[in-house]
PDB file of N, CA and C in Angstrom:
ATOM      1  N   UNK A   1      13.199  18.158  34.034  1.00  0.00           N
ATOM      2  CA  UNK A   1      12.896  17.289  33.151  1.00  0.00           C
ATOM      3  C   UNK A   1      14.166  17.207  31.382  1.00  0.00           C
ATOM      4  N   UNK A   2      14.579  16.320  31.170  1.00  0.00           N
ATOM      5  CA  UNK A   2      15.136  16.702  30.321  1.00  0.00           C
ATOM      6  C   UNK A   2      14.733  15.565  29.230  1.00  0.00           C
ATOM      7  N   UNK A   3      16.015  16.182  27.577  1.00  0.00           N
ATOM      8  CA  UNK A   3      15.111  14.943  26.883  1.00  0.00           C
ATOM      9  C   UNK A   3      13.612  15.450  26.111  1.00  0.00           C
ATOM     10  N   UNK A   4      13.249  14.959  24.965  1.00  0.00           N
ATOM     11  CA  UNK A   4      12.383  15.273  24.199  1.00  0.00           C
ATOM     12  C   UNK A   4      10.709  14.882  25.045  1.00  0.00           C
ATOM     13  N   UNK A   5      10.409  15.862  25.599  1.00  0.00           N
ATOM     14  CA  UNK A   5       9.377  15.979  26.387  1.00  0.00           C
ATOM     15  C   UNK A   5       8.047  14.732  25.020  1.00  0.00           C
ATOM     16  N   UNK A   6       8.243  14.691  24.045  1.00  0.00           N
ATOM     17  CA  UNK A   6       6.466  13.925  23.294  1.00  0.00           C
ATOM     18  C   UNK A   6       7.522  13.021  22.795  1.00  0.00           C
ATOM     19  N   UNK A   7       8.651  12.171  24.118  1.00  0.00           N
ATOM     20  CA  UNK A   7       9.925  10.730  22.898  1.00  0.00           C
ATOM     21  C   UNK A   7       8.093   9.305  23.728  1.00  0.00           C
ATOM     22  N   UNK A   8       7.736   9.952  24.619  1.00  0.00           N
ATOM     23  CA  UNK A   8       7.305   8.592  25.314  1.00  0.00           C
ATOM     24  C   UNK A   8       5.523   8.615  24.925  1.00  0.00           C
ATOM     25  N   UNK A   9       5.054   9.508  23.232  1.00  0.00           N
ATOM     26  CA  UNK A   9       3.504   9.398  23.077  1.00  0.00           C
ATOM     27  C   UNK A   9       4.067   8.596  22.462  1.00  0.00           C
ATOM     28  N   UNK A  10       2.649   7.754  22.303  1.00  0.00           N
ATOM     29  CA  UNK A  10       2.568   6.051  21.080  1.00  0.00           C
ATOM     30  C   UNK A  10       3.381   5.990  20.242  1.00  0.00           C
ATOM     31  N   UNK A  11       2.371   7.029  19.074  1.00  0.00           N
ATOM     32  CA  UNK A  11       3.170   7.295  18.110  1.00  0.00           C
ATOM     33  C   UNK A  11       4.615   8.122  17.681  1.00  0.00           C
ATOM     34  N   UNK A  12       5.604   8.116  18.551  1.00  0.00           N
ATOM     35  CA  UNK A  12       6.661   8.267  18.792  1.00  0.00           C
ATOM     36  C   UNK A  12       7.283   6.891  17.820  1.00  0.00           C
ATOM     37  N   UNK A  13       8.776   7.474  17.627  1.00  0.00           N
ATOM     38  CA  UNK A  13       9.417   6.038  17.193  1.00  0.00           C
ATOM     39  C   UNK A  13      10.098   5.811  18.615  1.00  0.00           C
ATOM     40  N   UNK A  14      10.528   4.427  18.399  1.00  0.00           N
ATOM     41  CA  UNK A  14      10.464   4.106  19.909  1.00  0.00           C
ATOM     42  C   UNK A  14      12.018   3.788  19.630  1.00  0.00           C
ATOM     43  N   UNK A  15      13.050   3.096  21.123  1.00  0.00           N
ATOM     44  CA  UNK A  15      14.446   2.375  20.651  1.00  0.00           C
ATOM     45  C   UNK A  15      15.261   1.613  19.012  1.00  0.00           C
ATOM     46  N   UNK A  16      13.404   0.736  19.107  1.00  0.00           N
ATOM     47  CA  UNK A  16      14.481   0.258  17.778  1.00  0.00           C
ATOM     48  C   UNK A  16      14.213   0.575  15.764  1.00  0.00           C
ATOM     49  N   UNK A  17      13.683   2.046  16.458  1.00  0.00           N
ATOM     50  CA  UNK A  17      13.637   2.940  14.897  1.00  0.00           C
ATOM     51  C   UNK A  17      12.097   2.362  14.706  1.00  0.00           C
ATOM     52  N   UNK A  18      10.955   1.708  15.234  1.00  0.00           N
ATOM     53  CA  UNK A  18       9.392   1.331  14.576  1.00  0.00           C
ATOM     54  C   UNK A  18       8.584   2.047  15.766  1.00  0.00           C
ATOM     55  N   UNK A  19       7.976   2.864  14.880  1.00  0.00           N
ATOM     56  CA  UNK A  19       6.767   3.178  15.655  1.00  0.00           C
ATOM     57  C   UNK A  19       5.438   2.204  16.273  1.00  0.00           C
ATOM     58  N   UNK A  20       4.622   2.674  17.060  1.00  0.00           N
ATOM     59  CA  UNK A  20       3.809   2.137  17.693  1.00  0.00           C
ATOM     60  C   UNK A  20       2.578   2.513  17.107  1.00  0.00           C
ATOM     61  N   UNK A  21       1.457   1.820  16.920  1.00  0.00           N
ATOM     62  CA  UNK A  21       0.166   2.463  16.771  1.00  0.00           C
ATOM     63  C   UNK A  21      -1.189   3.317  17.905  1.00  0.00           C
ATOM     64  N   UNK A  22      -1.207   4.608  17.559  1.00  0.00           N
ATOM     65  CA  UNK A  22      -1.842   4.695  18.748  1.00  0.00           C
ATOM     66  C   UNK A  22      -2.560   3.758  18.895  1.00  0.00           C
ATOM     67  N   UNK A  23      -3.760   5.433  19.842  1.00  0.00           N
ATOM     68  CA  UNK A  23      -4.948   4.334  19.908  1.00  0.00           C
ATOM     69  C   UNK A  23      -5.950   5.986  19.245  1.00  0.00           C
ATOM     70  N   UNK A  24      -6.181   6.258  19.497  1.00  0.00           N
ATOM     71  CA  UNK A  24      -6.852   6.942  17.984  1.00  0.00           C
ATOM     72  C   UNK A  24      -6.111   6.880  17.221  1.00  0.00           C
ATOM     73  N   UNK A  25      -5.318   6.276  16.172  1.00  0.00           N
ATOM     74  CA  UNK A  25      -4.899   5.948  15.112  1.00  0.00           C
ATOM     75  C   UNK A  25      -5.469   4.118  15.218  1.00  0.00           C
ATOM     76  N   UNK A  26      -5.008   3.479  15.719  1.00  0.00           N
ATOM     77  CA  UNK A  26      -5.791   2.457  15.773  1.00  0.00           C
ATOM     78  C   UNK A  26      -7.417   1.972  15.451  1.00  0.00           C
ATOM     79  N   UNK A  27      -8.699   3.441  16.132  1.00  0.00           N
ATOM     80  CA  UNK A  27      -9.843   3.226  16.107  1.00  0.00           C
ATOM     81  C   UNK A  27      -9.832   3.673  14.941  1.00  0.00           C
ATOM     82  N   UNK A  28      -9.167   4.007  14.603  1.00  0.00           N
ATOM     83  CA  UNK A  28      -9.045   5.081  12.599  1.00  0.00           C
ATOM     84  C   UNK A  28      -9.042   4.070  11.915  1.00  0.00           C
ATOM     85  N   UNK A  29      -8.462   2.878  12.256  1.00  0.00           N
ATOM     86  CA  UNK A  29      -7.908   2.278  11.014  1.00  0.00           C
ATOM     87  C   UNK A  29      -9.029   1.206  11.367  1.00  0.00           C
ATOM     88  N   UNK A  30      -9.452   1.022  12.282  1.00  0.00           N
ATOM     89  CA  UNK A  30     -10.206  -0.215  12.557  1.00  0.00           C
ATOM     90  C   UNK A  30     -11.852  -0.026  11.996  1.00  0.00           C
ATOM     91  N   UNK A  31     -12.045   1.850  11.872  1.00  0.00           N
ATOM     92  CA  UNK A  31     -13.439   2.185  11.035  1.00  0.00           C
ATOM     93  C   UNK A  31     -13.264   2.509   9.790  1.00  0.00           C
ATOM     94  N   UNK A  32     -12.306   3.494   9.265  1.00  0.00           N
ATOM     95  CA  UNK A  32     -11.899   3.687   7.898  1.00  0.00           C
ATOM     96  C   UNK A  32     -10.512   3.312   7.604  1.00  0.00           C
ATOM     97  N   UNK A  33     -10.366   2.336   7.301  1.00  0.00           N
ATOM     98  CA  UNK A  33      -9.032   1.630   6.808  1.00  0.00           C
ATOM     99  C   UNK A  33      -8.437   2.165   5.638  1.00  0.00           C
ATOM    100  N   UNK A  34      -9.147   2.778   4.880  1.00  0.00           N
ATOM    101  CA  UNK A  34      -8.751   2.469   3.723  1.00  0.00           C
ATOM    102  C   UNK A  34      -7.788   5.061   3.537  1.00  0.00           C
ATOM    103  N   UNK A  35      -8.777   5.238   4.668  1.00  0.00           N
ATOM    104  CA  UNK A  35      -8.432   6.559   5.268  1.00  0.00           C
ATOM    105  C   UNK A  35      -7.271   6.907   5.839  1.00  0.00           C
ATOM    106  N   UNK A  36      -7.042   5.950   6.882  1.00  0.00           N
ATOM    107  CA  UNK A  36      -6.256   6.446   8.069  1.00  0.00           C
ATOM    108  C   UNK A  36      -4.872   5.045   7.871  1.00  0.00           C
ATOM    109  N   UNK A  37      -5.341   4.303   6.913  1.00  0.00           N
ATOM    110  CA  UNK A  37      -4.020   3.435   6.329  1.00  0.00           C
ATOM    111  C   UNK A  37      -2.395   4.373   5.146  1.00  0.00           C
ATOM    112  N   UNK A  38      -3.339   5.623   5.171  1.00  0.00           N
ATOM    113  CA  UNK A  38      -2.008   6.555   4.206  1.00  0.00           C
ATOM    114  C   UNK A  38      -1.765   6.961   5.431  1.00  0.00           C
ATOM    115  N   UNK A  39      -2.077   6.817   6.354  1.00  0.00           N
ATOM    116  CA  UNK A  39      -0.568   7.156   7.424  1.00  0.00           C
ATOM    117  C   UNK A  39       0.393   6.321   8.305  1.00  0.00           C
ATOM    118  N   UNK A  40       0.295   5.275   7.944  1.00  0.00           N
ATOM    119  CA  UNK A  40       1.029   3.697   7.755  1.00  0.00           C
ATOM    120  C   UNK A  40       1.729   4.550   7.093  1.00  0.00           C
ATOM    121  N   UNK A  41       2.037   4.373   5.734  1.00  0.00           N
ATOM    122  CA  UNK A  41       3.347   5.122   4.759  1.00  0.00           C
ATOM    123  C   UNK A  41       4.053   6.215   5.620  1.00  0.00           C
ATOM    124  N   UNK A  42       4.126   6.456   6.056  1.00  0.00           N
ATOM    125  CA  UNK A  42       4.951   7.537   7.072  1.00  0.00           C
ATOM    126  C   UNK A  42       5.965   6.029   7.840  1.00  0.00           C
ATOM    127  N   UNK A  43       7.756   7.317   7.799  1.00  0.00           N
ATOM    128  CA  UNK A  43       8.926   6.130   7.795  1.00  0.00           C
ATOM    129  C   UNK A  43       8.319   6.020   9.532  1.00  0.00           C
ATOM    130  N   UNK A  44       8.986   4.267  10.059  1.00  0.00           N
ATOM    131  CA  UNK A  44       8.793   3.635  10.878  1.00  0.00           C
ATOM    132  C   UNK A  44       7.862   2.394  11.340  1.00  0.00           C
ATOM    133  N   UNK A  45       6.693   2.316  10.543  1.00  0.00           N
ATOM    134  CA  UNK A  45       6.301   1.635  10.968  1.00  0.00           C
ATOM    135  C   UNK A  45       6.568   0.275   9.673  1.00  0.00           C
ATOM    136  N   UNK A  46       6.019  -1.097  10.408  1.00  0.00           N
ATOM    137  CA  UNK A  46       7.103  -2.096   9.992  1.00  0.00           C
ATOM    138  C   UNK A  46       5.697  -2.597   8.643  1.00  0.00           C
ATOM    139  N   UNK A  47       6.617  -3.254   7.981  1.00  0.00           N
ATOM    140  CA  UNK A  47       5.891  -3.236   6.400  1.00  0.00           C
ATOM    141  C   UNK A  47       4.682  -4.646   6.995  1.00  0.00           C
ATOM    142  N   UNK A  48       4.806  -5.529   8.318  1.00  0.00           N
ATOM    143  CA  UNK A  48       4.273  -6.432   8.316  1.00  0.00           C
ATOM    144  C   UNK A  48       2.967  -5.635   8.495  1.00  0.00           C
ATOM    145  N   UNK A  49       3.055  -4.375   9.304  1.00  0.00           N
ATOM    146  CA  UNK A  49       1.922  -3.667   9.989  1.00  0.00           C
ATOM    147  C   UNK A  49       1.005  -3.082   8.777  1.00  0.00           C
ATOM    148  N   UNK A  50       1.965  -2.689   7.699  1.00  0.00           N
ATOM    149  CA  UNK A  50       1.138  -1.797   6.575  1.00  0.00           C
ATOM    150  C   UNK A  50       0.356  -2.765   5.347  1.00  0.00           C
ATOM    151  N   UNK A  51       0.930  -3.993   5.099  1.00  0.00           N
ATOM    152  CA  UNK A  51       0.425  -5.304   4.266  1.00  0.00           C
ATOM    153  C   UNK A  51      -1.407  -5.900   5.351  1.00  0.00           C
ATOM    154  N   UNK A  52      -1.140  -6.090   6.710  1.00  0.00           N
ATOM    155  CA  UNK A  52      -1.800  -6.124   7.620  1.00  0.00           C
ATOM    156  C   UNK A  52      -3.683  -5.123   7.338  1.00  0.00           C
ATOM    157  N   UNK A  53      -3.107  -4.125   7.068  1.00  0.00           N
ATOM    158  CA  UNK A  53      -3.660  -3.139   7.140  1.00  0.00           C
ATOM    159  C   UNK A  53      -4.735  -3.004   5.709  1.00  0.00           C
ATOM    160  N   UNK A  54      -3.445  -3.202   5.422  1.00  0.00           N
ATOM    161  CA  UNK A  54      -4.223  -3.092   3.445  1.00  0.00           C
ATOM    162  C   UNK A  54      -4.753  -4.263   2.746  1.00  0.00           C
ATOM    163  N   UNK A  55      -4.926  -5.544   3.392  1.00  0.00           N
ATOM    164  CA  UNK A  55      -5.363  -6.621   3.666  1.00  0.00           C
ATOM    165  C   UNK A  55      -6.950  -6.448   3.892  1.00  0.00           C
ATOM    166  N   UNK A  56      -6.311  -5.960   4.976  1.00  0.00           N
ATOM    167  CA  UNK A  56      -8.112  -5.277   6.257  1.00  0.00           C
ATOM    168  C   UNK A  56      -8.944  -4.702   6.080  1.00  0.00           C
ATOM    169  N   UNK A  57      -8.232  -3.651   4.875  1.00  0.00           N
ATOM    170  CA  UNK A  57      -8.783  -2.465   4.648  1.00  0.00           C
ATOM    171  C   UNK A  57      -9.037  -2.657   2.900  1.00  0.00           C
ATOM    172  N   UNK A  58      -9.073  -4.269   2.313  1.00  0.00           N
ATOM    173  CA  UNK A  58      -9.675  -4.082   0.433  1.00  0.00           C
ATOM    174  C   UNK A  58     -10.854  -5.476   1.214  1.00  0.00           C
ATOM    175  N   UNK A  59     -10.835  -6.036   2.316  1.00  0.00           N
ATOM    176  CA  UNK A  59     -11.774  -7.277   2.756  1.00  0.00           C
ATOM    177  C   UNK A  59     -12.915  -6.963   2.175  1.00  0.00           C
ATOM    178  N   UNK A  60     -13.830  -5.928   2.889  1.00  0.00           N
ATOM    179  CA  UNK A  60     -15.184  -5.706   2.923  1.00  0.00           C
ATOM    180  C   UNK A  60     -15.506  -5.167   1.549  1.00  0.00           C
ATOM    181  N   UNK A  61     -14.675  -4.486   0.840  1.00  0.00           N
ATOM    182  CA  UNK A  61     -15.037  -3.938  -0.396  1.00  0.00           C
ATOM    183  C   UNK A  61     -14.709  -4.884  -1.346  1.00  0.00           C
ATOM    184  N   UNK A  62     -13.868  -6.106  -1.410  1.00  0.00           N
ATOM    185  CA  UNK A  62     -13.881  -7.443  -1.931  1.00  0.00           C
ATOM    186  C   UNK A  62     -15.974  -7.790  -1.765  1.00  0.00           C
ATOM    187  N   UNK A  63     -15.748  -8.289  -0.583  1.00  0.00           N
ATOM    188  CA  UNK A  63     -16.612  -9.030  -0.265  1.00  0.00           C
ATOM    189  C   UNK A  63     -18.062  -8.196  -0.623  1.00  0.00           C
ATOM    190  N   UNK A  64     -18.535  -7.297  -1.104  1.00  0.00           N
ATOM    191  CA  UNK A  64     -18.948  -6.657  -1.529  1.00  0.00           C
ATOM    192  C   UNK A  64     -18.920  -6.783  -2.905  1.00  0.00           C
ATOM    193  N   UNK A  65     -18.517  -6.775  -3.877  1.00  0.00           N
ATOM    194  CA  UNK A  65     -18.250  -6.911  -5.005  1.00  0.00           C
ATOM    195  C   UNK A  65     -18.648  -8.186  -5.387  1.00  0.00           C
ATOM    196  N   UNK A  66     -17.799  -9.646  -4.632  1.00  0.00           N
ATOM    197  CA  UNK A  66     -18.209 -10.644  -4.791  1.00  0.00           C
ATOM    198  C   UNK A  66     -19.592 -10.377  -4.994  1.00  0.00           C
ATOM    199  N   UNK A  67     -20.435 -10.437  -3.482  1.00  0.00           N
ATOM    200  CA  UNK A  67     -21.958 -10.484  -2.895  1.00  0.00           C
ATOM    201  C   UNK A  67     -22.219 -10.071  -4.692  1.00  0.00           C
ATOM    202  N   UNK A  68     -22.450  -8.741  -5.181  1.00  0.00           N
ATOM    203  CA  UNK A  68     -22.908  -8.418  -5.851  1.00  0.00           C
ATOM    204  C   UNK A  68     -23.095  -8.793  -7.564  1.00  0.00           C
ATOM    205  N   UNK A  69     -21.796  -9.213  -7.780  1.00  0.00           N
ATOM    206  CA  UNK A  69     -21.613 -10.797  -8.658  1.00  0.00           C
ATOM    207  C   UNK A  69     -22.485 -12.240  -9.088  1.00  0.00           C
ATOM    208  N   UNK A  70     -22.552 -12.164  -7.378  1.00  0.00           N
ATOM    209  CA  UNK A  70     -23.424 -13.686  -7.566  1.00  0.00           C
ATOM    210  C   UNK A  70     -24.530 -13.508  -6.774  1.00  0.00           C
ATOM    211  N   UNK A  71     -25.120 -12.054  -6.355  1.00  0.00           N
ATOM    212  CA  UNK A  71     -26.346 -11.366  -6.881  1.00  0.00           C
ATOM    213  C   UNK A  71     -26.996 -11.821  -8.147  1.00  0.00           C
ATOM    214  N   UNK A  72     -26.176 -10.975  -9.474  1.00  0.00           N
ATOM    215  CA  UNK A  72     -26.204 -10.858 -10.700  1.00  0.00           C
ATOM    216  C   UNK A  72     -26.258 -12.108 -11.234  1.00  0.00           C
ATOM    217  N   UNK A  73     -25.333 -12.462 -11.472  1.00  0.00           N
ATOM    218  CA  UNK A  73     -25.683 -14.649 -11.717  1.00  0.00           C
ATOM    219  C   UNK A  73     -26.734 -15.475 -11.425  1.00  0.00           C
ATOM    220  N   UNK A  74     -27.195 -14.810 -10.079  1.00  0.00           N
ATOM    221  CA  UNK A  74     -28.406 -15.738  -9.671  1.00  0.00           C
ATOM    222  C   UNK A  74     -28.367 -16.724  -8.983  1.00  0.00           C
ATOM    223  N   UNK A  75     -26.345 -16.874  -8.388  1.00  0.00           N
ATOM    224  CA  UNK A  75     -26.707 -17.805  -7.770  1.00  0.00           C
ATOM    225  C   UNK A  75     -26.429 -18.000  -6.102  1.00  0.00           C
TER     226      UNK A  75
END
């Protein structure tokens, strides 16, 4: 066996210089995006992936805040 034994792992850099999101990282992003999103700042992840995760991570807190504002206003 030649080459890097870790070359085929999901979170390794693939041919075009980008990284794929591994299964455990995807699970972490879906459950705790504010914590696991920081891992996407490593080199190799696409900017569109980072933006998508940032929007997803801020969506639930946004809903909570707006809901509390509407409740406080009596709407």
